[in-house]
Amino acid sequence: APQSGILGMHTIKNRPIEYPAASGQIALRPMMYLAHSYDHRMIDGAEAVQFLVKVKQCIEDPQRILLGL
């Protein structure tokens, strides 16, 4: 069957970022790139972004999956 969307989850690597934000301090933090491609004829862009935000939230806080938040 045709695919309407593909979610790519890359490896987790420590990357230097400014943390806390706007503090001027650099810290290593675990980061993972997410990529989402989808068929625009089947899925609205706003819904695709909402899905990607939900995936990000569930990865950052797995309790959301169990609690359905």
PDB file of N, CA and C in Angstrom:
ATOM      1  N   ALA A   1       0.843  -1.200   0.000  1.00  0.00           N
ATOM      2  CA  ALA A   1       0.000   0.000   0.000  1.00  0.00           C
ATOM      3  C   ALA A   1       0.881   1.254   0.000  1.00  0.00           C
ATOM      4  N   PRO A   2       0.421   2.343  -0.564  1.00  0.00           N
ATOM      5  CA  PRO A   2       1.220   3.580  -0.563  1.00  0.00           C
ATOM      6  C   PRO A   2       1.385   4.124   0.852  1.00  0.00           C
ATOM      7  N   GLN A   3       2.498   4.790   1.060  1.00  0.00           N
ATOM      8  CA  GLN A   3       2.776   5.380   2.367  1.00  0.00           C
ATOM      9  C   GLN A   3       2.364   6.845   2.352  1.00  0.00           C
ATOM     10  N   SER A   4       1.667   7.277   3.400  1.00  0.00           N
ATOM     11  CA  SER A   4       1.272   8.685   3.475  1.00  0.00           C
ATOM     12  C   SER A   4       2.270   9.506   4.268  1.00  0.00           C
ATOM     13  N   GLY A   5       3.116   8.847   5.080  1.00  0.00           N
ATOM     14  CA  GLY A   5       4.115   9.568   5.853  1.00  0.00           C
ATOM     15  C   GLY A   5       5.228   8.658   6.319  1.00  0.00           C
ATOM     16  N   ILE A   6       6.395   9.255   6.518  1.00  0.00           N
ATOM     17  CA  ILE A   6       7.558   8.524   7.006  1.00  0.00           C
ATOM     18  C   ILE A   6       8.169   9.344   8.132  1.00  0.00           C
ATOM     19  N   LEU A   7       8.430   8.694   9.259  1.00  0.00           N
ATOM     20  CA  LEU A   7       9.065   9.350  10.405  1.00  0.00           C
ATOM     21  C   LEU A   7      10.474   8.802  10.542  1.00  0.00           C
ATOM     22  N   GLY A   8      11.451   9.686  10.497  1.00  0.00           N
ATOM     23  CA  GLY A   8      12.846   9.295  10.675  1.00  0.00           C
ATOM     24  C   GLY A   8      13.341   9.731  12.038  1.00  0.00           C
ATOM     25  N   MET A   9      13.863   8.786  12.799  1.00  0.00           N
ATOM     26  CA  MET A   9      14.413   9.085  14.126  1.00  0.00           C
ATOM     27  C   MET A   9      15.893   8.741  14.090  1.00  0.00           C
ATOM     28  N   HIS A  10      16.724   9.752  14.181  1.00  0.00           N
ATOM     29  CA  HIS A  10      18.154   9.569  14.066  1.00  0.00           C
ATOM     30  C   HIS A  10      18.763   9.222  15.415  1.00  0.00           C
ATOM     31  N   THR A  11      20.052   8.984  15.433  1.00  0.00           N
ATOM     32  CA  THR A  11      20.745   8.578  16.650  1.00  0.00           C
ATOM     33  C   THR A  11      20.830   9.722  17.659  1.00  0.00           C
ATOM     34  N   ILE A  12      20.889   9.384  18.923  1.00  0.00           N
ATOM     35  CA  ILE A  12      21.046  10.374  19.986  1.00  0.00           C
ATOM     36  C   ILE A  12      22.536  10.615  20.177  1.00  0.00           C
ATOM     37  N   LYS A  13      22.925  11.888  20.102  1.00  0.00           N
ATOM     38  CA  LYS A  13      24.326  12.266  20.283  1.00  0.00           C
ATOM     39  C   LYS A  13      24.403  13.475  21.201  1.00  0.00           C
ATOM     40  N   ASN A  14      25.469  13.560  21.989  1.00  0.00           N
ATOM     41  CA  ASN A  14      25.698  14.751  22.786  1.00  0.00           C
ATOM     42  C   ASN A  14      26.154  15.870  21.861  1.00  0.00           C
ATOM     43  N   ARG A  15      25.464  17.012  21.958  1.00  0.00           N
ATOM     44  CA  ARG A  15      25.791  18.158  21.116  1.00  0.00           C
ATOM     45  C   ARG A  15      25.935  19.400  22.000  1.00  0.00           C
ATOM     46  N   PRO A  16      26.877  20.268  21.635  1.00  0.00           N
ATOM     47  CA  PRO A  16      27.034  21.494  22.426  1.00  0.00           C
ATOM     48  C   PRO A  16      25.913  22.483  22.102  1.00  0.00           C
ATOM     49  N   ILE A  17      25.217  22.942  23.143  1.00  0.00           N
ATOM     50  CA  ILE A  17      24.172  23.947  22.964  1.00  0.00           C
ATOM     51  C   ILE A  17      24.292  24.968  24.091  1.00  0.00           C
ATOM     52  N   GLU A  18      23.686  26.122  23.882  1.00  0.00           N
ATOM     53  CA  GLU A  18      23.653  27.141  24.931  1.00  0.00           C
ATOM     54  C   GLU A  18      22.590  26.730  25.942  1.00  0.00           C
ATOM     55  N   TYR A  19      23.036  26.472  27.180  1.00  0.00           N
ATOM     56  CA  TYR A  19      22.104  25.983  28.194  1.00  0.00           C
ATOM     57  C   TYR A  19      22.487  26.551  29.543  1.00  0.00           C
ATOM     58  N   PRO A  20      21.595  27.132  30.293  1.00  0.00           N
ATOM     59  CA  PRO A  20      20.215  27.467  29.904  1.00  0.00           C
ATOM     60  C   PRO A  20      20.198  28.508  28.788  1.00  0.00           C
ATOM     61  N   ALA A  21      19.072  28.608  28.132  1.00  0.00           N
ATOM     62  CA  ALA A  21      18.945  29.484  26.965  1.00  0.00           C
ATOM     63  C   ALA A  21      19.332  30.920  27.306  1.00  0.00           C
ATOM     64  N   ALA A  22      20.047  31.545  26.396  1.00  0.00           N
ATOM     65  CA  ALA A  22      20.475  32.947  26.501  1.00  0.00           C
ATOM     66  C   ALA A  22      21.369  33.212  27.708  1.00  0.00           C
ATOM     67  N   SER A  23      22.047  32.186  28.217  1.00  0.00           N
ATOM     68  CA  SER A  23      22.930  32.373  29.369  1.00  0.00           C
ATOM     69  C   SER A  23      24.376  32.607  28.960  1.00  0.00           C
ATOM     70  N   GLY A  24      24.703  32.242  27.731  1.00  0.00           N
ATOM     71  CA  GLY A  24      26.073  32.358  27.269  1.00  0.00           C
ATOM     72  C   GLY A  24      26.942  31.171  27.646  1.00  0.00           C
ATOM     73  N   GLN A  25      26.363  30.187  28.352  1.00  0.00           N
ATOM     74  CA  GLN A  25      27.109  28.998  28.752  1.00  0.00           C
ATOM     75  C   GLN A  25      26.824  27.865  27.768  1.00  0.00           C
ATOM     76  N   ILE A  26      27.877  27.132  27.430  1.00  0.00           N
ATOM     77  CA  ILE A  26      27.748  26.004  26.515  1.00  0.00           C
ATOM     78  C   ILE A  26      27.785  24.714  27.328  1.00  0.00           C
ATOM     79  N   ALA A  27      26.844  23.809  27.051  1.00  0.00           N
ATOM     80  CA  ALA A  27      26.783  22.519  27.742  1.00  0.00           C
ATOM     81  C   ALA A  27      26.481  21.425  26.725  1.00  0.00           C
ATOM     82  N   LEU A  28      26.942  20.223  27.016  1.00  0.00           N
ATOM     83  CA  LEU A  28      26.603  19.083  26.167  1.00  0.00           C
ATOM     84  C   LEU A  28      25.250  18.544  26.599  1.00  0.00           C
ATOM     85  N   ARG A  29      24.372  18.346  25.641  1.00  0.00           N
ATOM     86  CA  ARG A  29      23.039  17.809  25.897  1.00  0.00           C
ATOM     87  C   ARG A  29      22.742  16.735  24.859  1.00  0.00           C
ATOM     88  N   PRO A  30      22.039  15.676  25.274  1.00  0.00           N
ATOM     89  CA  PRO A  30      21.664  14.653  24.288  1.00  0.00           C
ATOM     90  C   PRO A  30      20.620  15.212  23.319  1.00  0.00           C
ATOM     91  N   MET A  31      20.892  15.081  22.036  1.00  0.00           N
ATOM     92  CA  MET A  31      19.995  15.602  21.008  1.00  0.00           C
ATOM     93  C   MET A  31      19.749  14.516  19.971  1.00  0.00           C
ATOM     94  N   MET A  32      18.540  14.505  19.421  1.00  0.00           N
ATOM     95  CA  MET A  32      18.194  13.573  18.362  1.00  0.00           C
ATOM     96  C   MET A  32      17.402  14.346  17.308  1.00  0.00           C
ATOM     97  N   TYR A  33      17.767  14.156  16.065  1.00  0.00           N
ATOM     98  CA  TYR A  33      17.020  14.782  14.979  1.00  0.00           C
ATOM     99  C   TYR A  33      15.826  13.904  14.610  1.00  0.00           C
ATOM    100  N   LEU A  34      14.689  14.558  14.390  1.00  0.00           N
ATOM    101  CA  LEU A  34      13.486  13.898  13.895  1.00  0.00           C
ATOM    102  C   LEU A  34      13.201  14.463  12.506  1.00  0.00           C
ATOM    103  N   ALA A  35      12.837  13.605  11.596  1.00  0.00           N
ATOM    104  CA  ALA A  35      12.462  14.034  10.253  1.00  0.00           C
ATOM    105  C   ALA A  35      11.117  13.405   9.909  1.00  0.00           C
ATOM    106  N   HIS A  36      10.242  14.217   9.347  1.00  0.00           N
ATOM    107  CA  HIS A  36       8.911  13.730   8.993  1.00  0.00           C
ATOM    108  C   HIS A  36       8.602  14.192   7.583  1.00  0.00           C
ATOM    109  N   SER A  37       8.444  13.256   6.692  1.00  0.00           N
ATOM    110  CA  SER A  37       8.007  13.601   5.342  1.00  0.00           C
ATOM    111  C   SER A  37       6.647  12.955   5.122  1.00  0.00           C
ATOM    112  N   TYR A  38       5.814  13.629   4.368  1.00  0.00           N
ATOM    113  CA  TYR A  38       4.445  13.140   4.193  1.00  0.00           C
ATOM    114  C   TYR A  38       3.895  13.604   2.856  1.00  0.00           C
ATOM    115  N   ASP A  39       2.844  12.962   2.435  1.00  0.00           N
ATOM    116  CA  ASP A  39       2.171  13.285   1.182  1.00  0.00           C
ATOM    117  C   ASP A  39       1.196  14.439   1.441  1.00  0.00           C
ATOM    118  N   HIS A  40       1.509  15.593   0.891  1.00  0.00           N
ATOM    119  CA  HIS A  40       0.683  16.783   1.121  1.00  0.00           C
ATOM    120  C   HIS A  40      -0.719  16.646   0.534  1.00  0.00           C
ATOM    121  N   ARG A  41      -0.906  15.712  -0.357  1.00  0.00           N
ATOM    122  CA  ARG A  41      -2.240  15.515  -0.925  1.00  0.00           C
ATOM    123  C   ARG A  41      -3.161  14.808   0.071  1.00  0.00           C
ATOM    124  N   MET A  42      -2.571  14.096   1.056  1.00  0.00           N
ATOM    125  CA  MET A  42      -3.361  13.319   2.016  1.00  0.00           C
ATOM    126  C   MET A  42      -3.375  13.930   3.410  1.00  0.00           C
ATOM    127  N   ILE A  43      -2.315  14.651   3.762  1.00  0.00           N
ATOM    128  CA  ILE A  43      -2.159  15.158   5.125  1.00  0.00           C
ATOM    129  C   ILE A  43      -1.936  16.658   5.084  1.00  0.00           C
ATOM    130  N   ASP A  44      -2.695  17.393   5.894  1.00  0.00           N
ATOM    131  CA  ASP A  44      -2.539  18.832   6.002  1.00  0.00           C
ATOM    132  C   ASP A  44      -1.259  19.142   6.781  1.00  0.00           C
ATOM    133  N   GLY A  45      -0.557  20.192   6.407  1.00  0.00           N
ATOM    134  CA  GLY A  45       0.701  20.552   7.052  1.00  0.00           C
ATOM    135  C   GLY A  45       0.553  20.809   8.543  1.00  0.00           C
ATOM    136  N   ALA A  46      -0.525  21.461   8.959  1.00  0.00           N
ATOM    137  CA  ALA A  46      -0.735  21.760  10.376  1.00  0.00           C
ATOM    138  C   ALA A  46      -0.886  20.470  11.187  1.00  0.00           C
ATOM    139  N   GLU A  47      -1.600  19.499  10.645  1.00  0.00           N
ATOM    140  CA  GLU A  47      -1.761  18.213  11.339  1.00  0.00           C
ATOM    141  C   GLU A  47      -0.429  17.473  11.423  1.00  0.00           C
ATOM    142  N   ALA A  48       0.374  17.564  10.380  1.00  0.00           N
ATOM    143  CA  ALA A  48       1.680  16.906  10.384  1.00  0.00           C
ATOM    144  C   ALA A  48       2.586  17.516  11.445  1.00  0.00           C
ATOM    145  N   VAL A  49       2.554  18.829  11.601  1.00  0.00           N
ATOM    146  CA  VAL A  49       3.367  19.491  12.624  1.00  0.00           C
ATOM    147  C   VAL A  49       2.878  19.109  14.015  1.00  0.00           C
ATOM    148  N   GLN A  50       1.566  19.053  14.207  1.00  0.00           N
ATOM    149  CA  GLN A  50       1.014  18.647  15.508  1.00  0.00           C
ATOM    150  C   GLN A  50       1.472  17.232  15.865  1.00  0.00           C
ATOM    151  N   PHE A  51       1.493  16.347  14.877  1.00  0.00           N
ATOM    152  CA  PHE A  51       1.964  14.978  15.098  1.00  0.00           C
ATOM    153  C   PHE A  51       3.426  14.975  15.517  1.00  0.00           C
ATOM    154  N   LEU A  52       4.255  15.744  14.828  1.00  0.00           N
ATOM    155  CA  LEU A  52       5.676  15.771  15.135  1.00  0.00           C
ATOM    156  C   LEU A  52       5.925  16.365  16.527  1.00  0.00           C
ATOM    157  N   VAL A  53       5.172  17.374  16.906  1.00  0.00           N
ATOM    158  CA  VAL A  53       5.291  17.960  18.247  1.00  0.00           C
ATOM    159  C   VAL A  53       4.903  16.925  19.300  1.00  0.00           C
ATOM    160  N   LYS A  54       3.851  16.158  19.049  1.00  0.00           N
ATOM    161  CA  LYS A  54       3.407  15.128  19.993  1.00  0.00           C
ATOM    162  C   LYS A  54       4.475  14.038  20.144  1.00  0.00           C
ATOM    163  N   VAL A  55       5.089  13.629  19.046  1.00  0.00           N
ATOM    164  CA  VAL A  55       6.168  12.634  19.107  1.00  0.00           C
ATOM    165  C   VAL A  55       7.313  13.172  19.940  1.00  0.00           C
ATOM    166  N   LYS A  56       7.693  14.432  19.710  1.00  0.00           N
ATOM    167  CA  LYS A  56       8.775  15.066  20.468  1.00  0.00           C
ATOM    168  C   LYS A  56       8.455  15.082  21.965  1.00  0.00           C
ATOM    169  N   GLN A  57       7.234  15.462  22.308  1.00  0.00           N
ATOM    170  CA  GLN A  57       6.838  15.511  23.715  1.00  0.00           C
ATOM    171  C   GLN A  57       6.891  14.124  24.356  1.00  0.00           C
ATOM    172  N   CYS A  58       6.463  13.108  23.634  1.00  0.00           N
ATOM    173  CA  CYS A  58       6.467  11.745  24.173  1.00  0.00           C
ATOM    174  C   CYS A  58       7.886  11.211  24.348  1.00  0.00           C
ATOM    175  N   ILE A  59       8.794  11.597  23.468  1.00  0.00           N
ATOM    176  CA  ILE A  59      10.188  11.173  23.620  1.00  0.00           C
ATOM    177  C   ILE A  59      10.815  11.874  24.820  1.00  0.00           C
ATOM    178  N   GLU A  60      10.524  13.168  25.001  1.00  0.00           N
ATOM    179  CA  GLU A  60      11.093  13.929  26.103  1.00  0.00           C
ATOM    180  C   GLU A  60      10.517  13.510  27.446  1.00  0.00           C
ATOM    181  N   ASP A  61       9.248  13.097  27.476  1.00  0.00           N
ATOM    182  CA  ASP A  61       8.581  12.706  28.719  1.00  0.00           C
ATOM    183  C   ASP A  61       7.716  11.475  28.448  1.00  0.00           C
ATOM    184  N   PRO A  62       8.303  10.258  28.545  1.00  0.00           N
ATOM    185  CA  PRO A  62       7.567   9.031  28.207  1.00  0.00           C
ATOM    186  C   PRO A  62       6.305   8.788  29.038  1.00  0.00           C
ATOM    187  N   GLN A  63       6.164   9.439  30.192  1.00  0.00           N
ATOM    188  CA  GLN A  63       4.950   9.266  30.995  1.00  0.00           C
ATOM    189  C   GLN A  63       3.715   9.731  30.222  1.00  0.00           C
ATOM    190  N   ARG A  64       3.900  10.646  29.286  1.00  0.00           N
ATOM    191  CA  ARG A  64       2.780  11.134  28.471  1.00  0.00           C
ATOM    192  C   ARG A  64       2.103   9.983  27.722  1.00  0.00           C
ATOM    193  N   ILE A  65       2.894   8.998  27.308  1.00  0.00           N
ATOM    194  CA  ILE A  65       2.342   7.881  26.563  1.00  0.00           C
ATOM    195  C   ILE A  65       1.415   7.063  27.451  1.00  0.00           C
ATOM    196  N   LEU A  66       1.853   6.802  28.679  1.00  0.00           N
ATOM    197  CA  LEU A  66       1.054   5.999  29.596  1.00  0.00           C
ATOM    198  C   LEU A  66      -0.170   6.752  30.098  1.00  0.00           C
ATOM    199  N   LEU A  67      -0.023   8.065  30.302  1.00  0.00           N
ATOM    200  CA  LEU A  67      -1.122   8.846  30.848  1.00  0.00           C
ATOM    201  C   LEU A  67      -2.042   9.412  29.772  1.00  0.00           C
ATOM    202  N   GLY A  68      -1.648   9.275  28.512  1.00  0.00           N
ATOM    203  CA  GLY A  68      -2.472   9.758  27.412  1.00  0.00           C
ATOM    204  C   GLY A  68      -2.543  11.266  27.323  1.00  0.00           C
ATOM    205  N   LEU A  69      -1.476  11.949  27.723  1.00  0.00           N
ATOM    206  CA  LEU A  69      -1.466  13.425  27.678  1.00  0.00           C
ATOM    207  C   LEU A  69      -0.971  13.938  26.361  1.00  0.00           C
TER     208      LEU A  69
END
